C-alpha atoms as a PDB file:
ATOM      1  CA  UNK A   1     153.877 192.031  -3.183  1.00  0.00           C
ATOM      2  CA  UNK A   2     157.273 192.522  -4.840  1.00  0.00           C
ATOM      3  CA  UNK A   3     160.460 192.647  -2.765  1.00  0.00           C
ATOM      4  CA  UNK A   4     160.647 196.435  -3.194  1.00  0.00           C
ATOM      5  CA  UNK A   5     157.011 196.843  -2.130  1.00  0.00           C
ATOM      6  CA  UNK A   6     157.656 194.715   0.966  1.00  0.00           C
ATOM      7  CA  UNK A   7     160.744 196.787   1.837  1.00  0.00           C
ATOM      8  CA  UNK A   8     158.824 200.041   1.358  1.00  0.00           C
ATOM      9  CA  UNK A   9     155.992 198.728   3.531  1.00  0.00           C
ATOM     10  CA  UNK A  10     158.420 197.716   6.271  1.00  0.00           C
ATOM     11  CA  UNK A  11     159.973 201.194   6.280  1.00  0.00           C
ATOM     12  CA  UNK A  12     156.796 203.284   6.367  1.00  0.00           C
ATOM     13  CA  UNK A  13     154.414 201.102   8.363  1.00  0.00           C
ATOM     14  CA  UNK A  14     154.607 199.337  11.679  1.00  0.00           C
ATOM     15  CA  UNK A  15     151.687 197.098  10.678  1.00  0.00           C
ATOM     16  CA  UNK A  16     152.506 193.671   9.233  1.00  0.00           C
ATOM     17  CA  UNK A  17     152.267 193.302   5.460  1.00  0.00           C
ATOM     18  CA  UNK A  18     148.984 191.655   4.518  1.00  0.00           C
ATOM     19  CA  UNK A  19     150.138 190.296   1.187  1.00  0.00           C
ATOM     20  CA  UNK A  20     153.166 188.189   2.127  1.00  0.00           C
ATOM     21  CA  UNK A  21     154.297 185.464  -0.254  1.00  0.00           C
ATOM     22  CA  UNK A  22     153.379 181.881   0.586  1.00  0.00           C
ATOM     23  CA  UNK A  23     155.997 180.172   2.711  1.00  0.00           C
ATOM     24  CA  UNK A  24     157.597 183.385   4.019  1.00  0.00           C
ATOM     25  CA  UNK A  25     157.995 183.258   7.778  1.00  0.00           C
ATOM     26  CA  UNK A  26     158.673 186.379   9.844  1.00  0.00           C
ATOM     27  CA  UNK A  27     161.828 185.596  11.842  1.00  0.00           C
ATOM     28  CA  UNK A  28     161.839 188.678  14.055  1.00  0.00           C
ATOM     29  CA  UNK A  29     160.869 188.063  17.667  1.00  0.00           C
ATOM     30  CA  UNK A  30     159.701 191.680  18.009  1.00  0.00           C
ATOM     31  CA  UNK A  31     157.949 194.146  15.717  1.00  0.00           C
ATOM     32  CA  UNK A  32     159.841 196.567  13.501  1.00  0.00           C
ATOM     33  CA  UNK A  33     159.110 200.226  14.128  1.00  0.00           C
ATOM     34  CA  UNK A  34     159.639 203.007  11.577  1.00  0.00           C
ATOM     35  CA  UNK A  35     162.222 205.515  12.729  1.00  0.00           C
ATOM     36  CA  UNK A  36     163.680 208.226  10.457  1.00  0.00           C
ATOM     37  CA  UNK A  37     166.519 209.308  12.761  1.00  0.00           C
ATOM     38  CA  UNK A  38     169.833 210.475  11.330  1.00  0.00           C
ATOM     39  CA  UNK A  39     172.807 208.673  12.835  1.00  0.00           C
ATOM     40  CA  UNK A  40     176.548 208.260  12.371  1.00  0.00           C
ATOM     41  CA  UNK A  41     178.365 204.981  11.868  1.00  0.00           C
ATOM     42  CA  UNK A  42     182.065 204.171  12.091  1.00  0.00           C
ATOM     43  CA  UNK A  43     183.732 200.929  11.010  1.00  0.00           C
ATOM     44  CA  UNK A  44     185.423 199.108  13.893  1.00  0.00           C
ATOM     45  CA  UNK A  45     188.615 197.234  12.949  1.00  0.00           C
ATOM     46  CA  UNK A  46     191.048 195.806  15.519  1.00  0.00           C
ATOM     47  CA  UNK A  47     189.447 197.927  18.246  1.00  0.00           C
ATOM     48  CA  UNK A  48     189.857 201.222  16.349  1.00  0.00           C
ATOM     49  CA  UNK A  49     187.063 203.236  14.740  1.00  0.00           C
ATOM     50  CA  UNK A  50     187.437 204.480  11.157  1.00  0.00           C
ATOM     51  CA  UNK A  51     185.600 206.537   8.509  1.00  0.00           C
ATOM     52  CA  UNK A  52     182.581 208.381   9.883  1.00  0.00           C
ATOM     53  CA  UNK A  53     179.472 208.135   7.696  1.00  0.00           C
ATOM     54  CA  UNK A  54     176.003 209.688   8.121  1.00  0.00           C
ATOM     55  CA  UNK A  55     173.075 207.279   7.649  1.00  0.00           C
ATOM     56  CA  UNK A  56     169.311 207.230   8.077  1.00  0.00           C
ATOM     57  CA  UNK A  57     167.703 204.689  10.413  1.00  0.00           C
ATOM     58  CA  UNK A  58     164.653 203.568   8.450  1.00  0.00           C
ATOM     59  CA  UNK A  59     163.311 201.089  11.002  1.00  0.00           C
ATOM     60  CA  UNK A  60     164.393 199.296  14.132  1.00  0.00           C
ATOM     61  CA  UNK A  61     163.457 196.428  16.393  1.00  0.00           C
ATOM     62  CA  UNK A  62     164.869 195.024  19.612  1.00  0.00           C
ATOM     63  CA  UNK A  63     167.237 192.873  17.552  1.00  0.00           C
ATOM     64  CA  UNK A  64     168.577 195.335  15.009  1.00  0.00           C
ATOM     65  CA  UNK A  65     168.144 198.192  12.567  1.00  0.00           C
ATOM     66  CA  UNK A  66     167.658 198.903   8.884  1.00  0.00           C
ATOM     67  CA  UNK A  67     169.805 201.745   7.591  1.00  0.00           C
ATOM     68  CA  UNK A  68     169.798 203.787   4.387  1.00  0.00           C
ATOM     69  CA  UNK A  69     173.453 204.389   3.450  1.00  0.00           C
ATOM     70  CA  UNK A  70     175.184 206.239   0.606  1.00  0.00           C
ATOM     71  CA  UNK A  71     177.566 203.266   0.182  1.00  0.00           C
ATOM     72  CA  UNK A  72     177.328 199.503   0.723  1.00  0.00           C
ATOM     73  CA  UNK A  73     178.658 198.159   4.006  1.00  0.00           C
ATOM     74  CA  UNK A  74     180.758 195.045   4.513  1.00  0.00           C
ATOM     75  CA  UNK A  75     178.653 192.001   5.386  1.00  0.00           C
ATOM     76  CA  UNK A  76     179.787 190.733   8.780  1.00  0.00           C
ATOM     77  CA  UNK A  77     181.500 194.064   9.475  1.00  0.00           C
ATOM     78  CA  UNK A  78     181.204 195.637  12.913  1.00  0.00           C
ATOM     79  CA  UNK A  79     180.202 199.296  13.102  1.00  0.00           C
ATOM     80  CA  UNK A  80     179.531 201.752  15.922  1.00  0.00           C
ATOM     81  CA  UNK A  81     176.087 203.332  15.449  1.00  0.00           C
ATOM     82  CA  UNK A  82     175.737 206.678  17.220  1.00  0.00           C
ATOM     83  CA  UNK A  83     172.652 208.850  17.599  1.00  0.00           C
ATOM     84  CA  UNK A  84     173.316 212.572  18.032  1.00  0.00           C
ATOM     85  CA  UNK A  85     176.609 213.862  19.393  1.00  0.00           C
ATOM     86  CA  UNK A  86     176.621 211.995  22.712  1.00  0.00           C
ATOM     87  CA  UNK A  87     179.049 209.017  22.595  1.00  0.00           C
ATOM     88  CA  UNK A  88     176.965 207.388  25.356  1.00  0.00           C
ATOM     89  CA  UNK A  89     174.120 207.083  22.821  1.00  0.00           C
ATOM     90  CA  UNK A  90     175.951 204.479  20.731  1.00  0.00           C
ATOM     91  CA  UNK A  91     175.934 200.739  20.184  1.00  0.00           C
ATOM     92  CA  UNK A  92     177.773 198.184  18.086  1.00  0.00           C
ATOM     93  CA  UNK A  93     176.035 196.586  15.103  1.00  0.00           C
ATOM     94  CA  UNK A  94     176.962 193.724  12.782  1.00  0.00           C
ATOM     95  CA  UNK A  95     175.943 194.020   9.115  1.00  0.00           C
ATOM     96  CA  UNK A  96     173.750 191.157   7.892  1.00  0.00           C
ATOM     97  CA  UNK A  97     172.902 192.440   4.399  1.00  0.00           C
ATOM     98  CA  UNK A  98     173.575 195.358   2.073  1.00  0.00           C
ATOM     99  CA  UNK A  99     171.377 195.831  -0.981  1.00  0.00           C
ATOM    100  CA  UNK A 100     171.585 198.546  -3.636  1.00  0.00           C
ATOM    101  CA  UNK A 101     168.408 200.505  -4.341  1.00  0.00           C
ATOM    102  CA  UNK A 102     167.176 202.068  -7.576  1.00  0.00           C
ATOM    103  CA  UNK A 103     168.305 205.506  -6.329  1.00  0.00           C
ATOM    104  CA  UNK A 104     171.859 204.097  -5.910  1.00  0.00           C
ATOM    105  CA  UNK A 105     171.777 204.230  -2.107  1.00  0.00           C
ATOM    106  CA  UNK A 106     171.891 201.048  -0.037  1.00  0.00           C
ATOM    107  CA  UNK A 107     169.472 199.377   2.365  1.00  0.00           C
ATOM    108  CA  UNK A 108     171.544 197.770   5.103  1.00  0.00           C
ATOM    109  CA  UNK A 109     170.220 195.310   7.665  1.00  0.00           C
ATOM    110  CA  UNK A 110     172.210 194.958  10.870  1.00  0.00           C
ATOM    111  CA  UNK A 111     171.845 193.241  14.231  1.00  0.00           C
ATOM    112  CA  UNK A 112     172.896 194.627  17.588  1.00  0.00           C
ATOM    113  CA  UNK A 113     176.086 193.086  18.978  1.00  0.00           C
END
Protein backbone atom coordinates (compact mmCIF):
# COMPACT_ATOMS: atom_id res chain seq x y z
CA UNK A 1 0.00 0.00 0.00
CA UNK A 2 1.37 3.45 -0.86
CA UNK A 3 1.48 6.22 1.75
CA UNK A 4 -1.52 7.93 0.13
CA UNK A 5 -3.50 4.68 0.09
CA UNK A 6 -2.71 4.13 3.78
CA UNK A 7 -3.81 7.69 4.62
CA UNK A 8 -7.03 7.28 2.63
CA UNK A 9 -7.72 3.97 4.37
CA UNK A 10 -7.15 5.53 7.79
CA UNK A 11 -9.61 8.33 7.00
CA UNK A 12 -12.48 6.25 5.61
CA UNK A 13 -12.21 3.02 7.59
CA UNK A 14 -11.97 2.18 11.25
CA UNK A 15 -10.63 -1.28 10.40
CA UNK A 16 -6.85 -1.76 10.43
CA UNK A 17 -5.09 -1.77 7.06
CA UNK A 18 -4.39 -5.33 5.97
CA UNK A 19 -1.51 -4.51 3.67
CA UNK A 20 0.91 -2.67 5.96
CA UNK A 21 4.57 -2.50 4.98
CA UNK A 22 6.98 -4.84 6.73
CA UNK A 23 8.46 -3.33 9.86
CA UNK A 24 5.72 -0.71 10.36
CA UNK A 25 4.44 -0.75 13.92
CA UNK A 26 1.17 0.92 14.91
CA UNK A 27 2.08 3.30 17.75
CA UNK A 28 -1.44 4.33 18.73
CA UNK A 29 -2.69 2.86 22.00
CA UNK A 30 -6.30 3.20 20.81
CA UNK A 31 -8.06 2.80 17.48
CA UNK A 32 -8.61 5.69 15.10
CA UNK A 33 -12.23 6.42 14.26
CA UNK A 34 -13.40 8.25 11.13
CA UNK A 35 -15.15 11.49 11.96
CA UNK A 36 -16.07 14.11 9.32
CA UNK A 37 -16.98 16.92 11.74
CA UNK A 38 -16.31 20.54 10.83
CA UNK A 39 -14.39 22.40 13.52
CA UNK A 40 -12.62 25.70 14.14
CA UNK A 41 -9.01 26.10 15.22
CA UNK A 42 -7.19 29.13 16.58
CA UNK A 43 -3.43 29.47 17.08
CA UNK A 44 -2.48 30.02 20.73
CA UNK A 45 0.56 32.28 21.26
CA UNK A 46 1.55 33.69 24.66
CA UNK A 47 -1.89 32.82 26.05
CA UNK A 48 -3.81 34.68 23.31
CA UNK A 49 -5.80 33.08 20.50
CA UNK A 50 -5.30 34.25 16.91
CA UNK A 51 -6.60 33.64 13.37
CA UNK A 52 -9.72 31.48 13.27
CA UNK A 53 -9.66 28.75 10.62
CA UNK A 54 -12.31 26.16 9.65
CA UNK A 55 -11.03 22.58 9.33
CA UNK A 56 -12.40 19.08 8.84
CA UNK A 57 -11.70 16.39 11.44
CA UNK A 58 -10.97 13.34 9.29
CA UNK A 59 -10.32 10.89 12.13
CA UNK A 60 -9.69 10.87 15.84
CA UNK A 61 -8.46 8.67 18.64
CA UNK A 62 -8.09 9.10 22.39
CA UNK A 63 -4.64 10.60 21.80
CA UNK A 64 -5.28 13.04 18.98
CA UNK A 65 -6.88 14.00 15.69
CA UNK A 66 -6.16 14.19 11.98
CA UNK A 67 -7.36 17.40 10.36
CA UNK A 68 -7.82 18.50 6.75
CA UNK A 69 -6.75 22.16 6.57
CA UNK A 70 -6.61 24.75 3.77
CA UNK A 71 -3.11 25.78 4.96
CA UNK A 72 -0.20 24.01 6.66
CA UNK A 73 0.07 24.39 10.42
CA UNK A 74 3.22 25.02 12.43
CA UNK A 75 4.77 21.81 13.75
CA UNK A 76 4.86 22.02 17.54
CA UNK A 77 2.31 24.84 17.46
CA UNK A 78 -0.52 24.88 19.99
CA UNK A 79 -4.05 25.40 18.69
CA UNK A 80 -7.50 25.50 20.27
CA UNK A 81 -9.80 23.03 18.49
CA UNK A 82 -13.48 23.88 18.89
CA UNK A 83 -16.51 21.89 17.77
CA UNK A 84 -19.64 23.93 17.07
CA UNK A 85 -20.20 27.32 18.66
CA UNK A 86 -19.94 26.28 22.32
CA UNK A 87 -16.55 27.33 23.79
CA UNK A 88 -16.96 24.52 26.36
CA UNK A 89 -16.62 22.04 23.47
CA UNK A 90 -12.95 22.87 22.88
CA UNK A 91 -9.54 21.42 23.63
CA UNK A 92 -5.91 22.28 23.02
CA UNK A 93 -3.92 20.33 20.43
CA UNK A 94 -0.23 20.26 19.50
CA UNK A 95 0.65 19.79 15.82
CA UNK A 96 2.86 16.76 15.14
CA UNK A 97 2.89 16.82 11.32
CA UNK A 98 1.56 18.81 8.38
CA UNK A 99 1.66 17.28 4.92
CA UNK A 100 0.47 18.80 1.64
CA UNK A 101 -1.96 16.74 -0.43
CA UNK A 102 -2.41 16.54 -4.19
CA UNK A 103 -5.47 18.82 -3.94
CA UNK A 104 -3.26 21.47 -2.24
CA UNK A 105 -4.93 21.09 1.16
CA UNK A 106 -3.01 19.74 4.15
CA UNK A 107 -3.35 16.64 6.32
CA UNK A 108 -2.39 17.64 9.85
CA UNK A 109 -1.76 15.21 12.69
CA UNK A 110 -2.09 16.59 16.20
CA UNK A 111 -2.10 15.26 19.76
CA UNK A 112 -4.28 16.46 22.60
CA UNK A 113 -2.47 18.63 25.15
